[in-house]
Amino acid sequence: MTVLVLYATIEGHTRKIAERAAAKLEEAGQAVVLGDVREPGFAIPGRFDGVLICAPIHIGRYPSSVAQFLIDWKHALAQVPTALVSVSLAIHSESAEERAEAESYPAKLEKKTGFHIPKVHHAAGALKYLEYDFFKRALMRQIAAKEGGSVDTSVDHEFTDWAALDAFVQNFADDVALAEKA
């Protein structure tokens, strides 16, 4: 059984999440192909027993490459277990309204692509202060201050609940194994 783990990333944290998911799938006995969805032509979903997509929400939407992938391959994806790890800082917010907005993005993606992703995990992202330019660092610091988050710009801050991610990936691995037996 082989699982395709695709990701798109802006500052690298979603790639880290995808790498962790790939490692957990391998521990669960799956062979894994890991790749950046923005790289053209490297994989055909119909050749895999499951597909896990890791995508960040950035400026209110997922990367266009993720939406295009779902549009292009929705018929093949419908034939195998498919899941999404949706990565955002908003899911870590103290504000129920902001968390609800972050939770709404997979439905917006479904509406845009016509493909329903049956399993979704919302993972908190990271503040990558060390990678931001001056203006983005100042903006993100201001947002973090408003949220009561860390404003120490001398280090990056990860908010991902790795145990929750691991549990989601194990559940997905179980789905792939069950589908293969059916």
N, C-alpha and C. Protein backbone atom coordinates (compact mmCIF):
# COMPACT_ATOMS: atom_id res chain seq x y z
N MET A 1 0.83 -1.17 0.00
CA MET A 1 0.00 0.00 0.00
C MET A 1 0.89 1.24 0.00
N THR A 2 0.53 2.18 -0.85
CA THR A 2 1.31 3.41 -0.96
C THR A 2 0.40 4.61 -0.82
N VAL A 3 0.83 5.54 0.02
CA VAL A 3 0.07 6.76 0.27
C VAL A 3 0.85 7.94 -0.31
N LEU A 4 0.15 8.79 -1.01
CA LEU A 4 0.71 10.03 -1.53
C LEU A 4 0.46 11.12 -0.49
N VAL A 5 1.52 11.75 0.00
CA VAL A 5 1.42 12.86 0.93
C VAL A 5 1.89 14.10 0.18
N LEU A 6 0.96 14.99 -0.08
CA LEU A 6 1.27 16.22 -0.80
C LEU A 6 1.16 17.41 0.14
N TYR A 7 1.97 18.41 -0.12
CA TYR A 7 1.90 19.62 0.69
C TYR A 7 2.15 20.83 -0.18
N ALA A 8 1.68 21.95 0.30
CA ALA A 8 2.07 23.27 -0.20
C ALA A 8 2.52 24.01 1.04
N THR A 9 3.49 24.88 0.91
CA THR A 9 3.99 25.58 2.07
C THR A 9 4.36 27.01 1.70
N ILE A 10 4.24 27.88 2.66
CA ILE A 10 4.62 29.28 2.46
C ILE A 10 5.95 29.54 3.15
N GLU A 11 6.02 29.20 4.44
CA GLU A 11 7.24 29.44 5.21
C GLU A 11 7.92 28.16 5.68
N GLY A 12 7.43 27.00 5.26
CA GLY A 12 8.08 25.75 5.58
C GLY A 12 7.43 24.92 6.67
N HIS A 13 6.52 25.49 7.45
CA HIS A 13 5.94 24.71 8.55
C HIS A 13 5.01 23.61 8.04
N THR A 14 4.27 23.87 6.99
CA THR A 14 3.38 22.83 6.46
C THR A 14 4.19 21.68 5.89
N ARG A 15 5.35 21.96 5.32
CA ARG A 15 6.24 20.88 4.88
C ARG A 15 6.67 20.04 6.08
N LYS A 16 6.98 20.69 7.20
CA LYS A 16 7.36 19.97 8.42
C LYS A 16 6.22 19.06 8.88
N ILE A 17 5.00 19.57 8.83
CA ILE A 17 3.83 18.77 9.19
C ILE A 17 3.68 17.58 8.25
N ALA A 18 3.85 17.82 6.95
CA ALA A 18 3.74 16.73 5.96
C ALA A 18 4.82 15.68 6.18
N GLU A 19 6.03 16.12 6.49
CA GLU A 19 7.11 15.17 6.76
C GLU A 19 6.80 14.32 7.99
N ARG A 20 6.25 14.95 9.02
CA ARG A 20 5.86 14.20 10.22
C ARG A 20 4.76 13.20 9.88
N ALA A 21 3.77 13.63 9.10
CA ALA A 21 2.68 12.73 8.70
C ALA A 21 3.23 11.56 7.89
N ALA A 22 4.14 11.83 6.96
CA ALA A 22 4.74 10.77 6.14
C ALA A 22 5.47 9.77 7.03
N ALA A 23 6.21 10.25 8.00
CA ALA A 23 6.94 9.36 8.91
C ALA A 23 5.97 8.49 9.71
N LYS A 24 4.88 9.08 10.18
CA LYS A 24 3.89 8.32 10.95
C LYS A 24 3.19 7.27 10.07
N LEU A 25 2.93 7.62 8.82
CA LEU A 25 2.34 6.64 7.90
C LEU A 25 3.29 5.48 7.66
N GLU A 26 4.57 5.78 7.52
CA GLU A 26 5.56 4.71 7.34
C GLU A 26 5.62 3.82 8.58
N GLU A 27 5.56 4.43 9.77
CA GLU A 27 5.52 3.65 11.01
C GLU A 27 4.30 2.73 11.06
N ALA A 28 3.21 3.16 10.42
CA ALA A 28 1.98 2.38 10.39
C ALA A 28 2.00 1.32 9.29
N GLY A 29 3.13 1.20 8.57
CA GLY A 29 3.26 0.16 7.57
C GLY A 29 2.96 0.58 6.14
N GLN A 30 2.75 1.86 5.91
CA GLN A 30 2.46 2.34 4.56
C GLN A 30 3.76 2.75 3.86
N ALA A 31 3.83 2.52 2.58
CA ALA A 31 4.87 3.13 1.76
C ALA A 31 4.37 4.54 1.45
N VAL A 32 5.27 5.49 1.38
CA VAL A 32 4.86 6.89 1.22
C VAL A 32 5.65 7.56 0.11
N VAL A 33 4.93 8.35 -0.69
CA VAL A 33 5.55 9.26 -1.64
C VAL A 33 5.20 10.65 -1.14
N LEU A 34 6.23 11.45 -0.84
CA LEU A 34 6.04 12.79 -0.30
C LEU A 34 6.43 13.79 -1.37
N GLY A 35 5.57 14.80 -1.59
CA GLY A 35 5.92 15.78 -2.61
C GLY A 35 5.20 17.10 -2.45
N ASP A 36 5.78 18.11 -3.03
CA ASP A 36 5.21 19.45 -3.07
C ASP A 36 4.20 19.50 -4.21
N VAL A 37 2.97 19.85 -3.91
CA VAL A 37 1.91 19.86 -4.92
C VAL A 37 2.20 20.86 -6.04
N ARG A 38 3.09 21.81 -5.77
CA ARG A 38 3.43 22.80 -6.79
C ARG A 38 4.40 22.27 -7.83
N GLU A 39 5.00 21.11 -7.56
CA GLU A 39 5.91 20.50 -8.53
C GLU A 39 5.08 19.78 -9.59
N PRO A 40 5.19 20.15 -10.85
CA PRO A 40 4.31 19.57 -11.88
C PRO A 40 4.67 18.14 -12.24
N GLY A 41 3.64 17.35 -12.46
CA GLY A 41 3.76 16.05 -13.09
C GLY A 41 4.51 14.96 -12.37
N PHE A 42 4.69 15.03 -11.06
CA PHE A 42 5.49 14.01 -10.40
C PHE A 42 4.67 12.81 -9.97
N ALA A 43 3.36 12.95 -9.83
CA ALA A 43 2.56 11.86 -9.28
C ALA A 43 1.15 11.86 -9.86
N ILE A 44 0.64 10.66 -10.04
CA ILE A 44 -0.73 10.48 -10.51
C ILE A 44 -1.51 9.82 -9.39
N PRO A 45 -2.49 10.50 -8.79
CA PRO A 45 -3.20 9.95 -7.64
C PRO A 45 -3.81 8.58 -7.87
N GLY A 46 -4.23 8.23 -9.06
CA GLY A 46 -4.83 6.93 -9.32
C GLY A 46 -3.91 5.76 -9.05
N ARG A 47 -2.65 6.03 -8.84
CA ARG A 47 -1.66 4.97 -8.57
C ARG A 47 -1.42 4.76 -7.09
N PHE A 48 -2.18 5.43 -6.24
CA PHE A 48 -1.96 5.37 -4.80
C PHE A 48 -3.18 4.83 -4.08
N ASP A 49 -2.94 4.28 -2.88
CA ASP A 49 -4.01 3.70 -2.08
C ASP A 49 -4.66 4.71 -1.15
N GLY A 50 -4.07 5.88 -1.05
CA GLY A 50 -4.60 6.95 -0.22
C GLY A 50 -3.85 8.23 -0.52
N VAL A 51 -4.48 9.36 -0.26
CA VAL A 51 -3.85 10.66 -0.50
C VAL A 51 -4.12 11.56 0.71
N LEU A 52 -3.03 12.10 1.27
CA LEU A 52 -3.11 13.05 2.37
C LEU A 52 -2.53 14.37 1.88
N ILE A 53 -3.32 15.41 1.99
CA ILE A 53 -2.90 16.74 1.53
C ILE A 53 -2.72 17.65 2.75
N CYS A 54 -1.59 18.30 2.82
CA CYS A 54 -1.30 19.25 3.90
C CYS A 54 -1.20 20.63 3.27
N ALA A 55 -2.08 21.54 3.68
CA ALA A 55 -2.14 22.84 3.03
C ALA A 55 -2.37 23.96 4.03
N PRO A 56 -1.62 25.05 3.88
CA PRO A 56 -1.81 26.18 4.78
C PRO A 56 -2.89 27.13 4.28
N ILE A 57 -3.50 27.81 5.23
CA ILE A 57 -4.40 28.92 4.89
C ILE A 57 -3.55 30.18 5.01
N HIS A 58 -3.47 30.91 3.93
CA HIS A 58 -2.64 32.11 3.91
C HIS A 58 -3.42 33.22 3.21
N ILE A 59 -3.57 34.31 3.88
CA ILE A 59 -4.36 35.45 3.39
C ILE A 59 -5.77 34.98 2.99
N GLY A 60 -6.35 34.16 3.84
CA GLY A 60 -7.74 33.77 3.67
C GLY A 60 -8.03 32.68 2.66
N ARG A 61 -7.00 31.96 2.21
CA ARG A 61 -7.28 30.88 1.26
C ARG A 61 -6.11 29.89 1.22
N TYR A 62 -6.41 28.74 0.65
CA TYR A 62 -5.37 27.74 0.41
C TYR A 62 -4.60 28.14 -0.85
N PRO A 63 -3.38 27.65 -1.00
CA PRO A 63 -2.65 27.94 -2.25
C PRO A 63 -3.43 27.45 -3.46
N SER A 64 -3.37 28.20 -4.54
CA SER A 64 -4.12 27.84 -5.75
C SER A 64 -3.69 26.48 -6.29
N SER A 65 -2.45 26.08 -6.05
CA SER A 65 -1.98 24.77 -6.53
C SER A 65 -2.75 23.64 -5.86
N VAL A 66 -3.17 23.82 -4.62
CA VAL A 66 -3.95 22.79 -3.93
C VAL A 66 -5.33 22.68 -4.56
N ALA A 67 -5.98 23.81 -4.77
CA ALA A 67 -7.31 23.81 -5.40
C ALA A 67 -7.24 23.20 -6.80
N GLN A 68 -6.22 23.57 -7.57
CA GLN A 68 -6.10 23.04 -8.93
C GLN A 68 -5.86 21.53 -8.92
N PHE A 69 -5.06 21.06 -7.97
CA PHE A 69 -4.83 19.62 -7.85
C PHE A 69 -6.14 18.89 -7.59
N LEU A 70 -6.96 19.42 -6.68
CA LEU A 70 -8.24 18.78 -6.38
C LEU A 70 -9.17 18.79 -7.58
N ILE A 71 -9.18 19.88 -8.32
CA ILE A 71 -10.00 19.96 -9.53
C ILE A 71 -9.53 18.95 -10.56
N ASP A 72 -8.24 18.90 -10.78
CA ASP A 72 -7.68 18.02 -11.82
C ASP A 72 -7.84 16.54 -11.49
N TRP A 73 -7.79 16.17 -10.22
CA TRP A 73 -7.72 14.77 -9.84
C TRP A 73 -8.91 14.31 -8.99
N LYS A 74 -10.00 15.07 -8.95
CA LYS A 74 -11.08 14.72 -8.03
C LYS A 74 -11.68 13.34 -8.29
N HIS A 75 -11.71 12.90 -9.52
CA HIS A 75 -12.29 11.57 -9.79
C HIS A 75 -11.39 10.46 -9.26
N ALA A 76 -10.09 10.59 -9.43
CA ALA A 76 -9.15 9.60 -8.88
C ALA A 76 -9.14 9.66 -7.36
N LEU A 77 -9.20 10.86 -6.80
CA LEU A 77 -9.19 11.00 -5.34
C LEU A 77 -10.43 10.40 -4.70
N ALA A 78 -11.55 10.44 -5.41
CA ALA A 78 -12.80 9.89 -4.88
C ALA A 78 -12.74 8.36 -4.74
N GLN A 79 -11.76 7.74 -5.38
CA GLN A 79 -11.65 6.28 -5.36
C GLN A 79 -10.83 5.74 -4.19
N VAL A 80 -10.14 6.63 -3.48
CA VAL A 80 -9.26 6.19 -2.39
C VAL A 80 -9.49 7.07 -1.15
N PRO A 81 -9.12 6.58 0.03
CA PRO A 81 -9.21 7.46 1.20
C PRO A 81 -8.38 8.73 0.98
N THR A 82 -9.00 9.86 1.24
CA THR A 82 -8.35 11.15 1.05
C THR A 82 -8.62 11.99 2.30
N ALA A 83 -7.59 12.72 2.72
CA ALA A 83 -7.72 13.55 3.91
C ALA A 83 -6.93 14.84 3.73
N LEU A 84 -7.28 15.82 4.55
CA LEU A 84 -6.64 17.13 4.50
C LEU A 84 -6.17 17.52 5.89
N VAL A 85 -4.94 18.01 5.98
CA VAL A 85 -4.47 18.69 7.17
C VAL A 85 -4.45 20.17 6.81
N SER A 86 -5.36 20.91 7.41
CA SER A 86 -5.52 22.34 7.16
C SER A 86 -4.73 23.10 8.22
N VAL A 87 -3.75 23.88 7.78
CA VAL A 87 -2.82 24.53 8.70
C VAL A 87 -3.09 26.03 8.75
N SER A 88 -3.30 26.54 9.98
CA SER A 88 -3.52 27.98 10.14
C SER A 88 -3.17 28.41 11.55
N LEU A 89 -2.84 29.66 11.70
CA LEU A 89 -2.66 30.21 13.04
C LEU A 89 -4.01 30.47 13.70
N ALA A 90 -5.02 30.76 12.89
CA ALA A 90 -6.34 31.11 13.43
C ALA A 90 -6.95 29.98 14.26
N ILE A 91 -6.61 28.75 13.95
CA ILE A 91 -7.18 27.62 14.69
C ILE A 91 -6.65 27.61 16.13
N HIS A 92 -5.57 28.33 16.37
CA HIS A 92 -4.97 28.44 17.71
C HIS A 92 -5.51 29.65 18.47
N SER A 93 -6.33 30.45 17.83
CA SER A 93 -6.82 31.70 18.41
C SER A 93 -7.67 31.46 19.65
N GLU A 94 -7.65 32.43 20.54
CA GLU A 94 -8.54 32.44 21.70
C GLU A 94 -9.97 32.77 21.27
N SER A 95 -10.13 33.38 20.12
CA SER A 95 -11.43 33.82 19.63
C SER A 95 -12.17 32.67 18.95
N ALA A 96 -13.34 32.34 19.47
CA ALA A 96 -14.16 31.28 18.87
C ALA A 96 -14.54 31.65 17.44
N GLU A 97 -14.75 32.93 17.19
CA GLU A 97 -15.11 33.39 15.85
C GLU A 97 -13.97 33.12 14.86
N GLU A 98 -12.74 33.41 15.26
CA GLU A 98 -11.60 33.17 14.37
C GLU A 98 -11.37 31.67 14.15
N ARG A 99 -11.56 30.87 15.19
CA ARG A 99 -11.42 29.41 15.03
C ARG A 99 -12.50 28.89 14.08
N ALA A 100 -13.72 29.39 14.24
CA ALA A 100 -14.82 28.97 13.36
C ALA A 100 -14.53 29.34 11.91
N GLU A 101 -13.96 30.52 11.71
CA GLU A 101 -13.60 30.91 10.35
C GLU A 101 -12.56 29.95 9.77
N ALA A 102 -11.55 29.62 10.55
CA ALA A 102 -10.52 28.67 10.08
C ALA A 102 -11.14 27.32 9.77
N GLU A 103 -12.10 26.90 10.58
CA GLU A 103 -12.76 25.61 10.35
C GLU A 103 -13.65 25.62 9.11
N SER A 104 -14.00 26.81 8.62
CA SER A 104 -14.87 26.91 7.44
C SER A 104 -14.12 26.78 6.12
N TYR A 105 -12.82 26.91 6.14
CA TYR A 105 -12.06 26.92 4.89
C TYR A 105 -12.13 25.61 4.09
N PRO A 106 -12.13 24.43 4.70
CA PRO A 106 -12.28 23.23 3.88
C PRO A 106 -13.59 23.21 3.09
N ALA A 107 -14.68 23.71 3.68
CA ALA A 107 -15.96 23.77 2.94
C ALA A 107 -15.86 24.73 1.77
N LYS A 108 -15.14 25.83 1.95
CA LYS A 108 -14.94 26.78 0.85
C LYS A 108 -14.11 26.14 -0.25
N LEU A 109 -13.12 25.35 0.13
CA LEU A 109 -12.30 24.63 -0.85
C LEU A 109 -13.15 23.62 -1.61
N GLU A 110 -14.02 22.94 -0.90
CA GLU A 110 -14.93 21.98 -1.55
C GLU A 110 -15.83 22.68 -2.56
N LYS A 111 -16.37 23.81 -2.17
CA LYS A 111 -17.24 24.56 -3.08
C LYS A 111 -16.48 24.99 -4.34
N LYS A 112 -15.25 25.42 -4.14
CA LYS A 112 -14.44 25.88 -5.27
C LYS A 112 -14.03 24.74 -6.20
N THR A 113 -13.75 23.57 -5.64
CA THR A 113 -13.19 22.47 -6.44
C THR A 113 -14.22 21.41 -6.83
N GLY A 114 -15.32 21.35 -6.12
CA GLY A 114 -16.29 20.30 -6.39
C GLY A 114 -15.89 18.96 -5.79
N PHE A 115 -14.89 18.95 -4.93
CA PHE A 115 -14.45 17.70 -4.31
C PHE A 115 -14.59 17.78 -2.79
N HIS A 116 -15.28 16.80 -2.23
CA HIS A 116 -15.46 16.73 -0.78
C HIS A 116 -14.34 15.90 -0.18
N ILE A 117 -13.57 16.51 0.71
CA ILE A 117 -12.53 15.78 1.43
C ILE A 117 -13.17 15.24 2.71
N PRO A 118 -13.26 13.92 2.82
CA PRO A 118 -14.02 13.33 3.92
C PRO A 118 -13.43 13.52 5.31
N LYS A 119 -12.12 13.62 5.42
CA LYS A 119 -11.49 13.77 6.73
C LYS A 119 -10.61 15.00 6.74
N VAL A 120 -10.79 15.84 7.76
CA VAL A 120 -10.01 17.06 7.88
C VAL A 120 -9.48 17.19 9.31
N HIS A 121 -8.23 17.54 9.40
CA HIS A 121 -7.62 17.86 10.69
C HIS A 121 -7.15 19.31 10.63
N HIS A 122 -7.51 20.08 11.63
CA HIS A 122 -7.07 21.48 11.70
C HIS A 122 -5.85 21.55 12.61
N ALA A 123 -4.73 21.92 12.04
CA ALA A 123 -3.48 22.02 12.79
C ALA A 123 -3.08 23.48 12.91
N ALA A 124 -2.67 23.85 14.10
CA ALA A 124 -2.16 25.21 14.29
C ALA A 124 -0.78 25.29 13.64
N GLY A 125 -0.51 26.44 13.07
CA GLY A 125 0.75 26.63 12.36
C GLY A 125 1.85 27.16 13.26
N ALA A 126 2.62 28.07 12.72
CA ALA A 126 3.76 28.62 13.45
C ALA A 126 3.94 30.08 13.10
N LEU A 127 4.50 30.81 14.03
CA LEU A 127 4.98 32.16 13.75
C LEU A 127 6.45 32.03 13.42
N LYS A 128 6.80 32.30 12.19
CA LYS A 128 8.17 32.14 11.70
C LYS A 128 8.86 33.50 11.67
N TYR A 129 8.93 34.13 12.82
CA TYR A 129 9.49 35.48 12.90
C TYR A 129 10.86 35.59 12.23
N LEU A 130 11.68 34.57 12.38
CA LEU A 130 13.04 34.63 11.85
C LEU A 130 13.09 34.61 10.33
N GLU A 131 12.01 34.18 9.71
CA GLU A 131 11.96 34.11 8.25
C GLU A 131 11.24 35.30 7.62
N TYR A 132 10.50 36.05 8.43
CA TYR A 132 9.73 37.17 7.90
C TYR A 132 10.64 38.35 7.59
N ASP A 133 10.23 39.12 6.58
CA ASP A 133 10.92 40.39 6.35
C ASP A 133 10.44 41.38 7.43
N PHE A 134 11.03 42.54 7.46
CA PHE A 134 10.75 43.53 8.50
C PHE A 134 9.26 43.83 8.61
N PHE A 135 8.60 44.08 7.49
CA PHE A 135 7.19 44.48 7.51
C PHE A 135 6.28 43.34 7.95
N LYS A 136 6.53 42.13 7.44
CA LYS A 136 5.70 41.00 7.85
C LYS A 136 5.93 40.67 9.32
N ARG A 137 7.17 40.77 9.79
CA ARG A 137 7.47 40.52 11.20
C ARG A 137 6.69 41.50 12.08
N ALA A 138 6.68 42.78 11.70
CA ALA A 138 5.95 43.79 12.47
C ALA A 138 4.45 43.51 12.46
N LEU A 139 3.91 43.15 11.30
CA LEU A 139 2.49 42.85 11.19
C LEU A 139 2.12 41.63 12.03
N MET A 140 2.90 40.55 11.91
CA MET A 140 2.60 39.33 12.65
C MET A 140 2.76 39.54 14.16
N ARG A 141 3.72 40.37 14.54
CA ARG A 141 3.90 40.69 15.96
C ARG A 141 2.68 41.43 16.47
N GLN A 142 2.16 42.36 15.68
CA GLN A 142 0.97 43.12 16.06
C GLN A 142 -0.24 42.19 16.21
N ILE A 143 -0.39 41.28 15.27
CA ILE A 143 -1.51 40.33 15.34
C ILE A 143 -1.36 39.43 16.57
N ALA A 144 -0.13 38.95 16.81
CA ALA A 144 0.12 38.09 17.96
C ALA A 144 -0.17 38.83 19.27
N ALA A 145 0.22 40.09 19.33
CA ALA A 145 -0.04 40.89 20.54
C ALA A 145 -1.54 41.02 20.78
N LYS A 146 -2.29 41.26 19.72
CA LYS A 146 -3.75 41.38 19.83
C LYS A 146 -4.37 40.08 20.34
N GLU A 147 -3.78 38.96 19.93
CA GLU A 147 -4.28 37.64 20.32
C GLU A 147 -3.75 37.19 21.68
N GLY A 148 -2.83 37.97 22.25
CA GLY A 148 -2.23 37.55 23.52
C GLY A 148 -1.14 36.52 23.32
N GLY A 149 -0.63 36.42 22.09
CA GLY A 149 0.42 35.45 21.79
C GLY A 149 1.80 36.01 22.00
N SER A 150 2.77 35.22 21.63
CA SER A 150 4.16 35.61 21.83
C SER A 150 4.57 36.71 20.87
N VAL A 151 5.20 37.72 21.41
CA VAL A 151 5.70 38.83 20.59
C VAL A 151 7.23 38.84 20.56
N ASP A 152 7.84 37.78 21.06
CA ASP A 152 9.29 37.66 21.03
C ASP A 152 9.70 37.30 19.60
N THR A 153 10.21 38.28 18.88
CA THR A 153 10.56 38.06 17.47
C THR A 153 11.96 37.50 17.29
N SER A 154 12.64 37.16 18.38
CA SER A 154 14.00 36.62 18.26
C SER A 154 14.00 35.10 18.03
N VAL A 155 12.81 34.48 18.11
CA VAL A 155 12.68 33.04 17.88
C VAL A 155 11.38 32.76 17.14
N ASP A 156 11.32 31.60 16.50
CA ASP A 156 10.08 31.13 15.89
C ASP A 156 9.24 30.44 16.96
N HIS A 157 7.92 30.39 16.75
CA HIS A 157 7.01 29.78 17.71
C HIS A 157 6.09 28.80 16.97
N GLU A 158 6.13 27.53 17.38
CA GLU A 158 5.26 26.51 16.80
C GLU A 158 4.07 26.28 17.73
N PHE A 159 2.90 26.14 17.14
CA PHE A 159 1.70 25.91 17.91
C PHE A 159 1.02 24.58 17.57
N THR A 160 1.63 23.79 16.71
CA THR A 160 1.05 22.52 16.27
C THR A 160 0.95 21.54 17.44
N ASP A 161 -0.21 20.92 17.56
CA ASP A 161 -0.41 19.85 18.54
C ASP A 161 0.01 18.55 17.85
N TRP A 162 1.26 18.17 18.06
CA TRP A 162 1.83 17.03 17.34
C TRP A 162 1.13 15.72 17.71
N ALA A 163 0.70 15.56 18.96
CA ALA A 163 0.01 14.33 19.36
C ALA A 163 -1.34 14.22 18.64
N ALA A 164 -2.06 15.32 18.51
CA ALA A 164 -3.34 15.29 17.79
C ALA A 164 -3.11 14.99 16.31
N LEU A 165 -2.06 15.56 15.73
CA LEU A 165 -1.74 15.26 14.34
C LEU A 165 -1.42 13.78 14.17
N ASP A 166 -0.60 13.24 15.07
CA ASP A 166 -0.24 11.83 15.00
C ASP A 166 -1.47 10.93 15.07
N ALA A 167 -2.40 11.26 15.96
CA ALA A 167 -3.63 10.47 16.09
C ALA A 167 -4.46 10.53 14.81
N PHE A 168 -4.56 11.72 14.21
CA PHE A 168 -5.29 11.86 12.95
C PHE A 168 -4.64 11.03 11.85
N VAL A 169 -3.33 11.09 11.76
CA VAL A 169 -2.61 10.34 10.71
C VAL A 169 -2.77 8.83 10.94
N GLN A 170 -2.73 8.39 12.18
CA GLN A 170 -2.93 6.96 12.46
C GLN A 170 -4.33 6.54 12.04
N ASN A 171 -5.33 7.37 12.32
CA ASN A 171 -6.70 7.07 11.91
C ASN A 171 -6.80 6.98 10.39
N PHE A 172 -6.11 7.90 9.70
CA PHE A 172 -6.10 7.87 8.24
C PHE A 172 -5.40 6.61 7.74
N ALA A 173 -4.28 6.23 8.35
CA ALA A 173 -3.58 5.00 7.97
C ALA A 173 -4.48 3.78 8.14
N ASP A 174 -5.26 3.77 9.20
CA ASP A 174 -6.22 2.68 9.42
C ASP A 174 -7.27 2.66 8.31
N ASP A 175 -7.75 3.83 7.89
CA ASP A 175 -8.72 3.91 6.78
C ASP A 175 -8.13 3.34 5.50
N VAL A 176 -6.88 3.68 5.22
CA VAL A 176 -6.21 3.17 4.01
C VAL A 176 -6.10 1.66 4.07
N ALA A 177 -5.70 1.14 5.23
CA ALA A 177 -5.56 -0.32 5.38
C ALA A 177 -6.91 -1.02 5.21
N LEU A 178 -7.97 -0.46 5.78
CA LEU A 178 -9.31 -1.05 5.64
C LEU A 178 -9.78 -1.01 4.19
N ALA A 179 -9.54 0.09 3.51
CA ALA A 179 -9.96 0.20 2.11
C ALA A 179 -9.22 -0.81 1.24
N GLU A 180 -8.00 -1.07 1.55
CA GLU A 180 -7.20 -2.01 0.77
C GLU A 180 -7.72 -3.44 0.95
N LYS A 181 -8.22 -3.74 2.14
CA LYS A 181 -8.76 -5.09 2.42
C LYS A 181 -10.13 -5.29 1.79
N ALA A 182 -10.85 -4.21 1.54
CA ALA A 182 -12.21 -4.31 1.01
C ALA A 182 -12.23 -4.73 -0.44
